[in-house]
Every structure is written in C-alpha cells, then in structure tokens.
Amino acid sequence: MKFTRTIRSSALAALAAAATLGGATAAKAQDIVAILTCPMGCGVMEGNTIFGTLMAKGGESLIVAAQETPGYMYNVRAMAQERRWKKQVFGTEDVIIQLAMQGGSDELAQFLPEPIPIKFKLLHGEGYWAQGKFFVTTNPDIKSIEDMKGKRISIGLTGQSDWGVFPYLLLKHVYGIDETNSDIRRLNPGGLTQQLIDGTTDVAVTGYGTDSDQGVHLITGPLRKLDASGKDLHYLGTTQEAIDALNAKFGTTFVTRTIPAGTLPSQDADFVSGFNRGYKAAHPDFPEELAYQFVSAAYKYADEMRKLNALGAMMTDKMMLDGLTEENAHPGAIRAFKELGIWDAREGSVPVTYPQ
C-alpha cells in the first residue's frame, strides 16, 4: 500500500507539473507511466525527474513520473509483479536482468532469493558503470586484486548491484576472495568511502561512469570525496580474462574498457575495468505505443538533458542504442529508433543476451 500511494503521489506531482508547465495540453494527457529508479541522490532519480518535467513542459501526451525506490535490485524483483507490467518502466542493467533469471541458485540466493524468468525488453541505454569491477586503496603495497586476499575489503550492501553484488561475485568466483579468507565488510557508498579515508579498511569499491565511446567521464560523489581527502589513491584493475571468466560462469555481458591514466583522481597509470550497462526497460506486455512515446521523448529531450544532468551527458545516440537488438529491445523502442534513423548506431556494440 505504501508503494502504491507513493506512485500515486509522484503521478499527481507530474500532472501538476504538466498543468503548470504545459498549459492546456495537460488536460489531454491520457497516459501516466511511473519509472522505478533508485534512492534520491543516486543521480538517476534526479535525471528522470528532469526528464519528466521536460516532457510536461513540452506538452507531451505521455506523463512520466520518476519513482524513488531502494535501488535496481529492488526494481527487478518488483517488476515480477503482473500489476506493474503495463504501466511502469524501470531503471536496470543488463547484468541484473541476466542474474535475476538465475535467482535462487546457491551463488545468487542472498541477492535474488527467487528466479525472475522474464526476458525484459530494453527501451534505451543510459551509461557504462564501472563501480564494483575495480577497487581503490591508499596502501601502495596492495598492487593488484590478488593482493587483496586476507585484507579488509569494503563493498556495498547486498541490495546494491554495482556496489555490492557485482564486486562480491567477481572477488569470490574469479579471484577466490571471500569471507573465509578475507574481512569482507558491507556498507553504503558513503560509509565504505569514509572507512577508506579513516584507514579502518584496506580496500574499497568506488564509482565511475562513462558512455560507450568514453567521451564523457562521470566521477561519482564517493570518488570525489576520496579525492578531497588528500589521500594518495591507488587503483586496482581487473583483466579481460577475469571478466570473460565471470561472464562464462553467469551468462552475463560485462564488457571491459581501459581507463586511461588521468581519468580518475590521482590515477597515474592505465588500468582495465569491467563495465555493465544501464538501461530503461519494460515488461514485454508494456504497450508498444507507450514504449514508442517514451523512447521518442527520451531522444527528443536528450540535448536539453545533456546540459542539465550528468547522466544525460552520457546519453549519446550510440549509448542509447548500445547492446540493443531486434530480440531484446521493445518493439515500440525499435519503431522509434528506426523512425529517428539511428537504429544502426547500435552496430559494433556487445549485444545484451539472456541466459537460456
């Protein structure tokens, strides 16, 4: 009930914005779509709120209401509920959908207690996210992920995909580092960052985002906090072979990129990180016309979003199409992208596939 009331409040807020900003057009609005996002302060929530406001201001017939949620792991479980399928879209990642289909397994039960065997349809891409696939330390004697074994390691909560789930899977199933041989701590991003600053942990995850061509660099708040501390930072990257092993085990589509020296604060050498990709997605039963309007508007307001929000800056044409195929994308999204003449921009990217 609480969740339902919150969505209703967000929808009413969006309608009010439409009435204020869109004038008489608001009276013609027929459809309201809630976007399940993440906690306030995550960046995506703010970006989606701006997107909804721009749509209202532009007099669009589709009203979009950003909905704060506990995060992406919550979103995919919530979207297993049939009542959401035709009126909600959600923020997610390629790897979350892939892992959710395998929920309940010994490796994943602590994060996803039950399988969610739904091949959700992608609407558009948002960004490449590196957090959880590389690490940072203030100890120059820790030179690689292998050196982390036996150390104090701070990662995110079990309900946090990039910060908490992915680093655990990488450490345990590729590098053999887990609670049996190391001190694994779970905190929120602010808490684990403060531990590293205070010297009460040896290694932590931190955050960085970019687009498919690495033309935009999003330095997250926790990493900026580390930089402001004045500590000497040392980055611990992974390898292509490690990410390949992780993908082989879980049927995921993590990709790798080299982060050039100087990209991150105090970064004095190139290193390789894994990346997962962020998306807006919907259930296959989500109406084609609504998906078409949603994606058309996302493209229409992309230029304004790039000026107003860091997440929007990453949404180039290529990023919006990254990983999409005729099989995994929503038919309404495909129609929109083909009409816009940019469907071929997806070529060359790693397709998002689903475990069989």
Protein backbone atom coordinates (compact mmCIF):
# COMPACT_ATOMS: atom_id res chain seq x y z
CA MET A 1 0.00 0.00 0.00
CA LYS A 2 2.76 2.40 0.86
CA PHE A 3 4.38 1.86 -2.53
CA THR A 4 1.07 2.39 -4.33
CA ARG A 5 0.44 5.66 -2.51
CA THR A 6 3.93 6.89 -3.35
CA ILE A 7 3.47 6.20 -7.02
CA ARG A 8 0.14 7.97 -6.93
CA SER A 9 1.78 10.98 -5.31
CA SER A 10 4.53 11.02 -7.93
CA ALA A 11 1.97 10.77 -10.69
CA LEU A 12 -0.07 13.61 -9.25
CA ALA A 13 3.09 15.69 -8.97
CA ALA A 14 3.82 15.01 -12.62
CA LEU A 15 0.29 16.00 -13.56
CA ALA A 16 0.64 19.20 -11.56
CA ALA A 17 3.89 19.95 -13.35
CA ALA A 18 2.19 19.34 -16.66
CA ALA A 19 -0.62 21.69 -15.76
CA THR A 20 1.84 24.36 -14.71
CA LEU A 21 4.36 23.95 -17.50
CA GLY A 22 2.34 22.52 -20.33
CA GLY A 23 -0.75 24.67 -20.14
CA ALA A 24 -3.89 23.37 -21.74
CA THR A 25 -2.08 20.36 -23.16
CA ALA A 26 -2.13 18.75 -19.70
CA ALA A 27 -5.88 18.29 -19.94
CA LYS A 28 -5.32 15.99 -22.93
CA ALA A 29 -2.92 13.69 -21.10
CA GLN A 30 -4.16 10.11 -21.26
CA ASP A 31 -1.26 8.02 -20.00
CA ILE A 32 0.90 8.13 -16.89
CA VAL A 33 3.97 5.93 -16.68
CA ALA A 34 5.99 5.55 -13.48
CA ILE A 35 9.74 5.00 -13.79
CA LEU A 36 11.12 2.87 -10.96
CA THR A 37 14.53 4.41 -10.32
CA CYS A 38 16.74 4.37 -7.19
CA PRO A 39 17.20 6.27 -3.91
CA MET A 40 17.22 10.06 -4.00
CA GLY A 41 20.79 11.18 -4.54
CA CYS A 42 21.75 8.34 -6.86
CA GLY A 43 21.74 10.68 -9.86
CA VAL A 44 19.30 8.65 -11.95
CA MET A 45 16.36 9.78 -9.80
CA GLU A 46 17.22 13.41 -10.39
CA GLY A 47 17.75 12.85 -14.11
CA ASN A 48 14.43 11.08 -14.52
CA THR A 49 12.65 13.85 -12.64
CA ILE A 50 14.15 16.41 -15.01
CA PHE A 51 13.09 14.24 -17.96
CA GLY A 52 9.50 14.14 -16.72
CA THR A 53 9.47 17.89 -16.24
CA LEU A 54 10.79 18.50 -19.74
CA MET A 55 8.09 16.25 -21.17
CA ALA A 56 5.40 18.11 -19.23
CA LYS A 57 6.81 21.46 -20.31
CA GLY A 58 6.84 20.25 -23.91
CA GLY A 59 3.16 19.32 -23.74
CA GLU A 60 3.69 15.61 -24.38
CA SER A 61 0.63 13.41 -24.06
CA LEU A 62 2.61 10.88 -22.04
CA ILE A 63 3.18 11.87 -18.41
CA VAL A 64 6.32 10.36 -16.84
CA ALA A 65 6.62 10.19 -13.04
CA ALA A 66 10.02 9.31 -11.55
CA GLN A 67 9.53 6.94 -8.62
CA GLU A 68 12.16 6.69 -5.89
CA THR A 69 12.95 3.07 -4.93
CA PRO A 70 15.56 1.28 -2.80
CA GLY A 71 17.55 0.54 -5.97
CA TYR A 72 17.94 -1.61 -9.05
CA MET A 73 17.93 -4.96 -7.24
CA TYR A 74 14.55 -3.99 -5.80
CA ASN A 75 13.31 -2.85 -9.20
CA VAL A 76 13.80 -6.14 -10.99
CA ARG A 77 12.02 -8.03 -8.19
CA ALA A 78 9.17 -5.51 -8.15
CA MET A 79 8.73 -5.87 -11.90
CA ALA A 80 7.98 -9.56 -11.47
CA GLN A 81 4.54 -8.42 -10.26
CA GLU A 82 1.97 -8.53 -13.05
CA ARG A 83 0.18 -5.39 -11.88
CA ARG A 84 3.19 -3.32 -12.95
CA TRP A 85 3.70 -4.70 -16.43
CA LYS A 86 1.54 -2.32 -18.47
CA LYS A 87 2.06 0.97 -16.61
CA GLN A 88 5.63 1.02 -15.32
CA VAL A 89 9.14 1.03 -16.72
CA PHE A 90 12.26 0.64 -14.63
CA GLY A 91 15.90 1.52 -14.33
CA THR A 92 18.09 -1.56 -14.54
CA GLU A 93 21.24 -3.02 -16.02
CA ASP A 94 21.95 -5.80 -18.49
CA VAL A 95 23.62 -7.93 -15.81
CA ILE A 96 20.77 -7.50 -13.30
CA ILE A 97 18.23 -8.95 -15.72
CA GLN A 98 20.59 -11.80 -16.57
CA LEU A 99 21.30 -12.66 -12.93
CA ALA A 100 17.64 -12.32 -11.95
CA MET A 101 16.76 -15.12 -14.34
CA GLN A 102 19.08 -17.35 -12.26
CA GLY A 103 17.85 -16.16 -8.86
CA GLY A 104 17.59 -18.70 -6.07
CA SER A 105 20.79 -20.52 -7.04
CA ASP A 106 23.44 -21.19 -4.40
CA GLU A 107 25.58 -18.38 -5.81
CA LEU A 108 22.82 -15.80 -6.04
CA ALA A 109 20.20 -16.59 -3.38
CA GLN A 110 21.49 -13.96 -0.93
CA PHE A 111 20.91 -11.28 -3.57
CA LEU A 112 17.99 -12.73 -5.52
CA PRO A 113 16.06 -15.29 -3.45
CA GLU A 114 13.88 -16.46 -6.34
CA PRO A 115 14.31 -16.65 -10.11
CA ILE A 116 12.66 -13.97 -12.23
CA PRO A 117 12.44 -15.77 -15.59
CA ILE A 118 11.34 -12.74 -17.59
CA LYS A 119 13.16 -11.54 -20.68
CA PHE A 120 12.51 -7.88 -20.05
CA LYS A 121 12.59 -5.63 -23.09
CA LEU A 122 15.13 -2.81 -23.28
CA LEU A 123 13.98 0.72 -24.12
CA HIS A 124 17.27 2.61 -24.32
CA GLY A 125 20.78 2.62 -22.89
CA GLU A 126 21.99 5.17 -20.33
CA GLY A 127 25.62 4.56 -19.49
CA TYR A 128 28.55 2.28 -18.71
CA TRP A 129 29.16 1.69 -14.98
CA ALA A 130 32.49 0.55 -13.55
CA GLN A 131 31.85 0.50 -9.80
CA GLY A 132 32.38 -2.93 -8.33
CA LYS A 133 34.66 -4.07 -11.15
CA PHE A 134 37.73 -2.18 -9.93
CA PHE A 135 38.93 -1.18 -6.48
CA VAL A 136 40.84 1.63 -4.79
CA THR A 137 43.30 1.61 -1.88
CA THR A 138 45.52 4.06 -0.05
CA ASN A 139 48.13 1.33 0.60
CA PRO A 140 50.82 1.30 -2.14
CA ASP A 141 51.83 -2.22 -1.13
CA ILE A 142 48.49 -3.57 -2.42
CA LYS A 143 49.21 -3.64 -6.12
CA SER A 144 46.55 -5.97 -7.56
CA ILE A 145 43.23 -7.60 -6.77
CA GLU A 146 45.14 -10.79 -5.93
CA ASP A 147 46.90 -8.85 -3.16
CA MET A 148 43.53 -8.09 -1.56
CA LYS A 149 43.19 -11.61 -0.17
CA GLY A 150 43.40 -11.51 3.61
CA LYS A 151 42.79 -7.77 3.74
CA ARG A 152 39.89 -5.65 5.00
CA ILE A 153 37.65 -5.11 1.95
CA SER A 154 34.68 -2.73 1.98
CA ILE A 155 31.95 -3.22 -0.61
CA GLY A 156 28.32 -2.15 -0.91
CA LEU A 157 25.16 -3.67 0.52
CA THR A 158 23.56 -6.87 -0.77
CA GLY A 159 20.73 -4.81 -2.26
CA GLN A 160 23.13 -2.67 -4.34
CA SER A 161 24.01 -4.10 -7.73
CA ASP A 162 27.19 -2.30 -8.79
CA TRP A 163 28.45 -1.50 -5.31
CA GLY A 164 27.57 -4.73 -3.52
CA VAL A 165 26.57 -7.65 -5.76
CA PHE A 166 28.99 -7.42 -8.67
CA PRO A 167 32.20 -6.93 -6.65
CA TYR A 168 31.31 -9.90 -4.45
CA LEU A 169 30.72 -12.15 -7.47
CA LEU A 170 33.96 -11.01 -9.10
CA LEU A 171 36.04 -11.49 -5.95
CA LYS A 172 34.55 -14.82 -4.93
CA HIS A 173 34.05 -16.61 -8.22
CA VAL A 174 37.04 -15.32 -10.19
CA TYR A 175 39.71 -14.40 -7.63
CA GLY A 176 38.75 -16.78 -4.82
CA ILE A 177 38.43 -13.97 -2.27
CA ASP A 178 35.51 -14.23 0.18
CA GLU A 179 34.60 -14.27 3.87
CA THR A 180 36.57 -17.44 4.50
CA ASN A 181 39.91 -15.78 3.79
CA SER A 182 39.31 -12.03 3.99
CA ASP A 183 37.42 -9.44 6.05
CA ILE A 184 34.51 -8.53 3.76
CA ARG A 185 32.54 -5.54 5.05
CA ARG A 186 29.23 -4.29 3.66
CA LEU A 187 28.34 -0.60 3.92
CA ASN A 188 26.62 2.02 1.82
CA PRO A 189 28.84 4.05 -0.55
CA GLY A 190 29.28 6.90 1.93
CA GLY A 191 30.20 4.59 4.77
CA LEU A 192 32.71 2.48 2.88
CA THR A 193 34.33 5.62 1.45
CA GLN A 194 34.73 7.07 4.93
CA GLN A 195 36.31 3.82 6.12
CA LEU A 196 39.00 4.14 3.47
CA ILE A 197 39.62 7.77 4.38
CA ASP A 198 39.85 6.87 8.08
CA GLY A 199 42.17 3.95 7.43
CA THR A 200 39.81 1.41 9.01
CA THR A 201 39.66 -0.61 5.80
CA ASP A 202 42.36 -1.54 3.29
CA VAL A 203 40.45 -1.56 0.01
CA ALA A 204 37.07 -0.28 -1.16
CA VAL A 205 34.91 -0.05 -4.22
CA THR A 206 34.24 3.34 -5.72
CA GLY A 207 32.26 4.70 -8.65
CA TYR A 208 32.83 5.87 -12.20
CA GLY A 209 30.57 6.08 -15.26
CA THR A 210 31.07 6.81 -18.92
CA ASP A 211 29.43 6.37 -22.32
CA SER A 212 30.16 3.70 -24.91
CA ASP A 213 32.91 5.78 -26.54
CA GLN A 214 34.34 7.02 -23.22
CA GLY A 215 33.76 10.58 -24.31
CA VAL A 216 32.09 11.62 -21.05
CA HIS A 217 33.54 10.89 -17.61
CA LEU A 218 31.25 10.85 -14.58
CA ILE A 219 33.26 10.95 -11.36
CA THR A 220 30.87 9.87 -8.63
CA GLY A 221 30.36 11.62 -5.30
CA PRO A 222 32.22 8.96 -3.25
CA LEU A 223 35.25 9.19 -5.52
CA ARG A 224 35.22 12.98 -5.32
CA LYS A 225 35.11 12.63 -1.53
CA LEU A 226 38.16 10.38 -1.65
CA ASP A 227 39.95 12.91 -3.81
CA ALA A 228 39.08 15.74 -1.44
CA SER A 229 40.57 13.80 1.48
CA GLY A 230 44.07 14.35 0.09
CA LYS A 231 44.91 10.66 0.34
CA ASP A 232 47.17 9.05 -2.27
CA LEU A 233 44.87 6.77 -4.25
CA HIS A 234 45.95 3.56 -5.97
CA TYR A 235 43.59 1.81 -8.37
CA LEU A 236 43.34 -1.96 -8.70
CA GLY A 237 42.04 -3.02 -12.09
CA THR A 238 40.93 -6.38 -13.39
CA THR A 239 41.69 -8.15 -16.68
CA GLN A 240 39.86 -9.21 -19.82
CA GLU A 241 40.41 -12.83 -18.79
CA ALA A 242 38.80 -12.26 -15.39
CA ILE A 243 35.71 -10.63 -16.91
CA ASP A 244 35.48 -13.41 -19.50
CA ALA A 245 35.51 -15.94 -16.66
CA LEU A 246 32.75 -14.08 -14.82
CA ASN A 247 30.63 -13.92 -17.98
CA ALA A 248 31.20 -17.61 -18.68
CA LYS A 249 30.01 -18.59 -15.20
CA PHE A 250 26.87 -16.45 -15.07
CA GLY A 251 25.93 -15.87 -18.72
CA THR A 252 26.40 -12.14 -18.26
CA THR A 253 27.55 -9.44 -20.67
CA PHE A 254 30.03 -7.44 -18.62
CA VAL A 255 32.34 -5.61 -21.01
CA THR A 256 35.84 -4.25 -20.45
CA ARG A 257 37.41 -0.89 -21.15
CA THR A 258 40.79 0.58 -20.37
CA ILE A 259 40.51 3.66 -18.17
CA PRO A 260 43.38 5.90 -19.29
CA ALA A 261 45.74 7.48 -16.77
CA GLY A 262 44.47 10.84 -15.58
CA THR A 263 40.80 9.97 -16.00
CA LEU A 264 40.23 9.46 -12.27
CA PRO A 265 41.69 11.49 -9.39
CA SER A 266 45.37 10.68 -8.72
CA GLN A 267 45.32 7.99 -11.42
CA ASP A 268 48.90 7.66 -12.66
CA ALA A 269 48.54 4.59 -14.88
CA ASP A 270 46.06 2.97 -17.24
CA PHE A 271 44.04 0.08 -15.88
CA VAL A 272 41.33 -2.27 -17.13
CA SER A 273 37.89 -2.35 -15.54
CA GLY A 274 34.79 -4.34 -16.18
CA PHE A 275 31.62 -2.38 -17.00
CA ASN A 276 27.94 -3.20 -17.00
CA ARG A 277 25.43 -1.11 -18.90
CA GLY A 278 22.48 0.84 -17.54
CA TYR A 279 19.10 0.77 -19.29
CA LYS A 280 15.50 1.72 -19.07
CA ALA A 281 13.46 -1.43 -19.58
CA ALA A 282 9.90 -2.73 -19.51
CA HIS A 283 7.97 -5.96 -19.43
CA PRO A 284 7.17 -7.50 -22.85
CA ASP A 285 3.48 -6.70 -22.15
CA PHE A 286 4.20 -2.96 -21.81
CA PRO A 287 2.14 -1.30 -24.59
CA GLU A 288 4.05 -0.68 -27.79
CA GLU A 289 2.63 2.81 -28.22
CA LEU A 290 3.77 3.88 -24.74
CA ALA A 291 7.24 2.47 -25.36
CA TYR A 292 7.34 4.35 -28.65
CA GLN A 293 6.35 7.63 -27.00
CA PHE A 294 8.78 7.11 -24.13
CA VAL A 295 11.80 6.48 -26.35
CA SER A 296 10.84 9.20 -28.83
CA ALA A 297 10.71 11.69 -25.96
CA ALA A 298 14.00 10.47 -24.48
CA TYR A 299 15.67 11.21 -27.80
CA LYS A 300 13.79 14.47 -28.32
CA TYR A 301 14.93 15.91 -24.99
CA ALA A 302 18.40 14.37 -24.97
CA ASP A 303 20.15 17.62 -25.90
CA GLU A 304 18.48 19.51 -23.04
CA MET A 305 19.17 16.64 -20.65
CA ARG A 306 22.87 16.73 -21.51
CA LYS A 307 23.00 20.35 -20.37
CA LEU A 308 21.14 19.76 -17.13
CA ASN A 309 22.24 16.39 -15.77
CA ALA A 310 25.48 14.41 -15.68
CA LEU A 311 23.67 11.19 -16.55
CA GLY A 312 22.07 12.88 -19.54
CA ALA A 313 25.51 13.89 -20.79
CA MET A 314 26.37 10.23 -21.30
CA MET A 315 23.30 9.51 -23.45
CA THR A 316 24.73 9.89 -26.92
CA ASP A 317 22.92 8.29 -29.84
CA LYS A 318 25.37 5.40 -29.70
CA MET A 319 24.89 4.98 -25.95
CA MET A 320 21.11 4.91 -26.27
CA LEU A 321 21.43 2.03 -28.77
CA ASP A 322 24.34 0.18 -27.16
CA GLY A 323 23.60 -3.55 -26.82
CA LEU A 324 20.10 -3.37 -28.32
CA THR A 325 18.97 -5.98 -30.83
CA GLU A 326 15.76 -6.93 -32.62
CA GLU A 327 15.36 -9.67 -29.98
CA ASN A 328 16.00 -7.79 -26.71
CA ALA A 329 14.56 -4.35 -27.47
CA HIS A 330 10.90 -3.44 -27.03
CA PRO A 331 9.04 -3.25 -30.38
CA GLY A 332 7.95 0.29 -29.55
CA ALA A 333 11.55 1.32 -28.94
CA ILE A 334 12.68 -0.28 -32.18
CA ARG A 335 9.98 1.59 -34.08
CA ALA A 336 11.03 4.88 -32.53
CA PHE A 337 14.73 4.40 -33.26
CA LYS A 338 14.06 3.33 -36.85
CA GLU A 339 11.86 6.36 -37.45
CA LEU A 340 14.61 8.56 -35.99
CA GLY A 341 17.05 6.98 -38.42
CA ILE A 342 19.58 5.90 -35.78
CA TRP A 343 18.82 2.18 -35.31
CA ASP A 344 22.10 1.26 -36.98
CA ALA A 345 24.05 3.16 -34.29
CA ARG A 346 23.92 0.01 -32.17
CA GLU A 347 26.18 -1.88 -34.58
CA GLY A 348 29.54 -2.83 -33.13
CA SER A 349 28.33 -2.94 -29.52
CA VAL A 350 28.16 -6.13 -27.48
CA PRO A 351 24.57 -7.45 -27.71
CA VAL A 352 22.69 -7.99 -24.47
CA THR A 353 21.72 -11.66 -24.36
CA TYR A 354 19.74 -13.71 -21.85
CA PRO A 355 20.78 -17.00 -20.24
CA GLN A 356 18.98 -19.99 -21.69
